[in-house]
Structures are given as structure tokens and as C-alpha cells.
Amino acid sequence: MNKKPLARHLIFIGISMLPLLYLAIIWTRIPAVVPTHFGANMKPDDYSSRLTFFLVEGLVSLISIGTYFLLLNLHRIDPKRAGKPLSPVFSKIASGLVLFMTAIGFVTIRMSLGDNIDAGKLMFPLMGLLFAFLGNLMHNVKPNYFVGLRLPWTLHSDYNWRKTHQLTGKLWFAGGLVVALLSFFLPMETSAVVMMIIMSILVVIPIGYSFTLYRKEQKDPSIANEEVENQ
């Protein structure tokens, strides 16, 4: 086995487990009853035992590791990637998601200690930065059944996929940065509303655009070929 990929895998597995390590270190400081769900104002509205909280954090770490290896092996299990090498963009997304989920893990642990306001304030910027990160890579995502806007029209047409993800990348990058920046200055309740509105826009516009392309391509199938020839 190549030592470089193995070392990389071990590093990201280790990163995924860091919240659990931190939780073990501060275990005696964790209260017996821990807030595990928060409203838009980041005030707790549901509680669990300390052990349940540890198990939930462990599950998040396992999901993080599973997602990492899933993305690195898409070319082996996805029919649209069959016979093709691993795309570097999937490797980047896998790494970014591990870092994001690890950061969320640390934030939720701090919130369990009662740092509701200060730690909760980081949730929305992290979500915004995740969208910006994905947007920066979205235009390079090739057709597949796991990552991106997997709509009937994008999966049916490589032309539709490419054009839709080019637009999606620009929107998500700009929208994610806007969410991240505004979240630092707005109250948490307002940040939650703003994020919901912006995120909805970031999803609805690409879907509408993709459907419009589908209708155009149905009327004139040659537009896809013309676009390729003009590149």
C-alpha cells in the first residue's frame, strides 16, 4: 500500500476523533445532564445524559470518517464514475467535510459546558464557510450520484450538469461568504432567519435554472453540442 495515502487517511481519521479526545479530557467538567438540542437563539430545548452525549459525538465522528472514505471511493461504487480515476475535487471535499464536522463537534462540546452564546455564535459562520468552500469546488464536480445537485435533469445531461454546477458554484461561494460575515454582526435569531432565506435561495435558483436548461435542451438538443464546439 502506498504510504502517502495511508498517512493521509490516518491524519484525517485522527482529526475526526479529536472531539472525542477533547471530551474525554474534560469529562469531569461535563454536567450529568447535557443540552443536546438548541433553538434558533441557541438556547437549549432538549437534554440528554452525559453518556448519551458522548455516544452522539462518537456517532458524528464515525459519520465523518465514513463520509471521508465514501467520497474517496466514489469512482469504485458510482456507476457514473465507473472506470474513471479518483477526481481530486472529491478528495478536497472529503477533507473539508472532516474539518467542518470536527469544528462542529468542538462547538457542541463547548455548548454542553454552558458556553451557549459564545460557542453557538460560531454555528452560522461555519455553515456559511462550508457553503463557500463547496461553492469554490462545485464547478469541478463531475456527474455522479452522490455529490452536487443530483436532479433528474442534471443526471440525464452532462451539459445540464456542467452549466448548473457552474452557476451553483458562484452562488454558493458568494452566498456562503455573506452568511458567514453577517452572522458575526447579527443577533443569533436574526442570523438563523437570514441563513434560512439565503440557503433557500442558493438551492431554489440552481434547481430552477437546471429545469430551464432541460426545457431548452428538449426543444433544441443541439445546444449542448454547440456549447461544446464553442469551448
Protein backbone atom coordinates (compact mmCIF):
# COMPACT_ATOMS: atom_id res chain seq x y z
CA MET A 1 0.00 0.00 0.00
CA ASN A 2 1.23 3.47 -0.85
CA LYS A 3 2.43 5.11 2.36
CA LYS A 4 1.32 8.63 1.39
CA PRO A 5 -2.43 7.85 1.08
CA LEU A 6 -2.24 5.72 4.24
CA ALA A 7 -0.65 8.57 6.20
CA ARG A 8 -3.28 10.97 4.87
CA HIS A 9 -6.09 8.62 5.89
CA LEU A 10 -4.68 8.23 9.39
CA ILE A 11 -4.36 12.00 9.76
CA PHE A 12 -7.99 12.63 8.85
CA ILE A 13 -9.22 9.74 10.98
CA GLY A 14 -7.28 11.34 13.84
CA ILE A 15 -8.82 14.74 13.12
CA SER A 16 -12.30 13.18 13.16
CA MET A 17 -11.61 11.71 16.59
CA LEU A 18 -10.29 14.92 18.16
CA PRO A 19 -13.67 15.99 19.64
CA LEU A 20 -13.91 12.62 21.41
CA LEU A 21 -10.39 13.02 22.76
CA TYR A 22 -11.20 16.53 23.99
CA LEU A 23 -14.43 15.27 25.53
CA ALA A 24 -12.54 12.54 27.37
CA ILE A 25 -10.02 15.07 28.72
CA ILE A 26 -12.72 17.37 30.13
CA TRP A 27 -15.08 14.53 31.10
CA THR A 28 -15.27 15.56 34.77
CA ARG A 29 -16.37 19.06 33.74
CA ILE A 30 -19.29 17.78 31.66
CA PRO A 31 -22.54 18.02 33.66
CA ALA A 32 -24.62 14.89 34.29
CA VAL A 33 -27.41 16.33 32.12
CA VAL A 34 -26.23 17.90 28.89
CA PRO A 35 -28.10 20.18 26.47
CA THR A 36 -28.17 18.37 23.12
CA HIS A 37 -30.57 20.47 21.06
CA PHE A 38 -30.81 24.21 20.66
CA GLY A 39 -33.33 26.61 19.18
CA ALA A 40 -32.58 29.40 16.72
CA ASN A 41 -31.49 31.61 19.63
CA MET A 42 -29.04 28.86 20.67
CA LYS A 43 -30.88 28.31 23.95
CA PRO A 44 -31.18 24.61 24.91
CA ASP A 45 -34.59 23.00 24.41
CA ASP A 46 -33.68 19.33 24.88
CA TYR A 47 -31.31 17.44 27.19
CA SER A 48 -29.59 14.05 27.38
CA SER A 49 -27.31 12.20 29.75
CA ARG A 50 -23.56 12.69 29.64
CA LEU A 51 -23.09 9.17 28.28
CA THR A 52 -25.65 9.74 25.51
CA PHE A 53 -23.85 12.94 24.58
CA PHE A 54 -20.57 11.05 24.30
CA LEU A 55 -22.21 8.42 22.09
CA VAL A 56 -23.69 11.12 19.86
CA GLU A 57 -20.29 12.75 19.48
CA GLY A 58 -18.85 9.32 18.67
CA LEU A 59 -21.52 8.78 16.03
CA VAL A 60 -20.70 12.14 14.44
CA SER A 61 -17.02 11.14 14.29
CA LEU A 62 -17.93 7.83 12.64
CA ILE A 63 -20.14 9.62 10.11
CA SER A 64 -17.27 11.98 9.39
CA ILE A 65 -14.88 9.08 8.76
CA GLY A 66 -17.48 7.20 6.72
CA THR A 67 -18.18 10.24 4.55
CA TYR A 68 -14.45 10.75 4.02
CA PHE A 69 -13.91 7.22 2.72
CA LEU A 70 -17.14 7.24 0.72
CA LEU A 71 -16.02 10.30 -1.24
CA LEU A 72 -12.58 8.81 -1.83
CA ASN A 73 -14.13 5.66 -3.28
CA LEU A 74 -16.92 7.10 -5.42
CA HIS A 75 -15.12 6.01 -8.57
CA ARG A 76 -15.47 2.41 -7.37
CA ILE A 77 -19.17 2.39 -6.44
CA ASP A 78 -20.81 5.12 -8.53
CA PRO A 79 -21.95 3.93 -11.99
CA LYS A 80 -21.26 7.39 -13.44
CA ARG A 81 -17.66 7.27 -12.19
CA ALA A 82 -17.01 3.61 -13.06
CA GLY A 83 -13.65 3.04 -14.71
CA LYS A 84 -12.52 6.58 -14.00
CA PRO A 85 -9.77 7.62 -11.56
CA LEU A 86 -10.48 9.43 -8.31
CA SER A 87 -11.22 13.07 -9.04
CA PRO A 88 -9.09 15.47 -6.95
CA VAL A 89 -12.20 17.53 -6.20
CA PHE A 90 -13.77 14.63 -4.28
CA SER A 91 -10.61 14.34 -2.20
CA LYS A 92 -10.78 18.05 -1.37
CA ILE A 93 -14.45 17.85 -0.44
CA ALA A 94 -13.77 14.82 1.76
CA SER A 95 -11.03 16.68 3.63
CA GLY A 96 -13.14 19.81 4.01
CA LEU A 97 -16.12 17.91 5.41
CA VAL A 98 -13.93 16.22 8.02
CA LEU A 99 -12.63 19.61 9.17
CA PHE A 100 -16.15 21.05 9.22
CA MET A 101 -17.65 18.20 11.25
CA THR A 102 -14.71 18.29 13.65
CA ALA A 103 -15.25 22.01 14.19
CA ILE A 104 -18.96 21.42 14.82
CA GLY A 105 -18.01 18.72 17.32
CA PHE A 106 -15.87 21.14 19.31
CA VAL A 107 -18.59 23.81 19.22
CA THR A 108 -21.26 21.43 20.55
CA ILE A 109 -18.94 20.31 23.33
CA ARG A 110 -18.35 23.90 24.40
CA MET A 111 -22.10 24.47 24.32
CA SER A 112 -22.58 21.46 26.60
CA LEU A 113 -20.42 23.26 29.15
CA GLY A 114 -22.77 26.20 29.15
CA ASP A 115 -20.99 28.38 26.58
CA ASN A 116 -24.28 28.62 24.68
CA ILE A 117 -24.00 32.13 23.35
CA ASP A 118 -20.29 32.36 22.53
CA ALA A 119 -20.00 28.89 21.03
CA GLY A 120 -23.40 28.99 19.34
CA LYS A 121 -22.39 32.19 17.58
CA LEU A 122 -19.90 30.10 15.57
CA MET A 123 -22.50 27.74 14.12
CA PHE A 124 -23.82 30.04 11.41
CA PRO A 125 -20.41 31.29 10.21
CA LEU A 126 -19.26 27.66 9.98
CA MET A 127 -22.31 26.81 7.87
CA GLY A 128 -21.64 29.79 5.63
CA LEU A 129 -17.98 28.89 5.20
CA LEU A 130 -18.96 25.32 4.33
CA PHE A 131 -21.20 26.56 1.51
CA ALA A 132 -18.46 28.91 0.30
CA PHE A 133 -15.95 26.05 0.36
CA LEU A 134 -18.26 23.73 -1.58
CA GLY A 135 -19.14 26.52 -3.99
CA ASN A 136 -15.49 27.06 -4.77
CA LEU A 137 -15.25 23.41 -5.86
CA MET A 138 -18.71 22.83 -7.32
CA HIS A 139 -17.84 23.78 -10.90
CA ASN A 140 -15.26 20.97 -10.96
CA VAL A 141 -17.61 18.26 -9.68
CA LYS A 142 -18.19 15.71 -12.43
CA PRO A 143 -21.55 13.91 -12.87
CA ASN A 144 -22.17 11.40 -10.08
CA TYR A 145 -24.96 10.08 -7.87
CA PHE A 146 -23.62 11.31 -4.51
CA VAL A 147 -22.25 14.88 -4.68
CA GLY A 148 -23.77 18.02 -6.16
CA LEU A 149 -27.26 18.84 -7.47
CA ARG A 150 -28.39 15.34 -8.38
CA LEU A 151 -31.55 16.29 -10.22
CA PRO A 152 -33.26 14.24 -12.95
CA TRP A 153 -32.17 16.84 -15.49
CA THR A 154 -28.54 17.14 -14.40
CA LEU A 155 -28.12 13.37 -14.22
CA HIS A 156 -29.67 12.98 -17.67
CA SER A 157 -27.47 15.56 -19.41
CA ASP A 158 -23.77 16.32 -18.91
CA TYR A 159 -24.44 19.72 -20.46
CA ASN A 160 -27.12 20.48 -17.88
CA TRP A 161 -24.88 19.20 -15.08
CA ARG A 162 -21.97 21.37 -16.15
CA LYS A 163 -23.93 24.59 -16.62
CA THR A 164 -25.97 24.10 -13.45
CA HIS A 165 -22.90 23.47 -11.31
CA GLN A 166 -21.06 26.43 -12.77
CA LEU A 167 -23.90 28.68 -11.61
CA THR A 168 -24.26 26.81 -8.31
CA GLY A 169 -20.57 27.26 -7.55
CA LYS A 170 -20.75 31.03 -7.97
CA LEU A 171 -23.95 31.35 -5.93
CA TRP A 172 -22.81 29.11 -3.08
CA PHE A 173 -19.43 30.78 -2.79
CA ALA A 174 -20.90 34.30 -2.65
CA GLY A 175 -23.91 33.30 -0.53
CA GLY A 176 -21.79 31.33 1.92
CA LEU A 177 -19.47 34.28 2.49
CA VAL A 178 -22.45 36.60 3.00
CA VAL A 179 -23.92 34.23 5.62
CA ALA A 180 -20.57 33.90 7.39
CA LEU A 181 -19.97 37.66 7.51
CA LEU A 182 -23.49 38.67 8.53
CA SER A 183 -23.56 36.04 11.29
CA PHE A 184 -20.76 37.85 13.12
CA PHE A 185 -22.77 41.07 13.32
CA LEU A 186 -26.41 39.98 13.60
CA PRO A 187 -28.18 38.59 16.67
CA MET A 188 -28.44 34.80 16.56
CA GLU A 189 -32.20 34.79 16.00
CA THR A 190 -31.77 37.13 13.04
CA SER A 191 -28.79 35.14 11.77
CA ALA A 192 -30.93 31.99 11.74
CA VAL A 193 -33.64 33.67 9.67
CA VAL A 194 -31.13 35.24 7.27
CA MET A 195 -29.33 31.93 6.84
CA MET A 196 -32.57 30.07 6.10
CA ILE A 197 -33.57 32.64 3.49
CA ILE A 198 -30.17 32.72 1.78
CA MET A 199 -29.74 28.94 1.85
CA SER A 200 -33.21 28.50 0.33
CA ILE A 201 -32.27 30.90 -2.45
CA LEU A 202 -28.99 29.05 -3.03
CA VAL A 203 -30.94 25.83 -3.59
CA VAL A 204 -34.04 27.08 -5.43
CA ILE A 205 -32.25 29.19 -8.07
CA PRO A 206 -29.98 26.37 -9.36
CA ILE A 207 -32.94 23.96 -9.45
CA GLY A 208 -35.00 26.45 -11.46
CA TYR A 209 -32.05 27.17 -13.74
CA SER A 210 -31.45 23.46 -14.30
CA PHE A 211 -35.10 22.88 -15.21
CA THR A 212 -35.00 25.82 -17.63
CA LEU A 213 -31.95 24.31 -19.32
CA TYR A 214 -33.74 20.98 -19.52
CA ARG A 215 -36.71 22.59 -21.28
CA LYS A 216 -34.41 24.37 -23.73
CA GLU A 217 -32.47 21.20 -24.45
CA GLN A 218 -35.72 19.32 -25.03
CA LYS A 219 -36.75 21.86 -27.65
CA ASP A 220 -33.29 22.08 -29.24
CA PRO A 221 -30.93 19.16 -28.39
CA SER A 222 -28.19 20.75 -30.50
CA ILE A 223 -27.49 23.49 -27.94
CA ALA A 224 -25.39 21.09 -25.90
CA ASN A 225 -23.24 20.22 -28.92
CA GLU A 226 -22.92 23.88 -29.93
CA GLU A 227 -21.71 24.82 -26.47
CA VAL A 228 -19.03 22.10 -26.58
CA GLU A 229 -17.86 23.20 -30.04
CA ASN A 230 -17.56 26.83 -28.92
CA GLN A 231 -15.34 25.95 -25.96
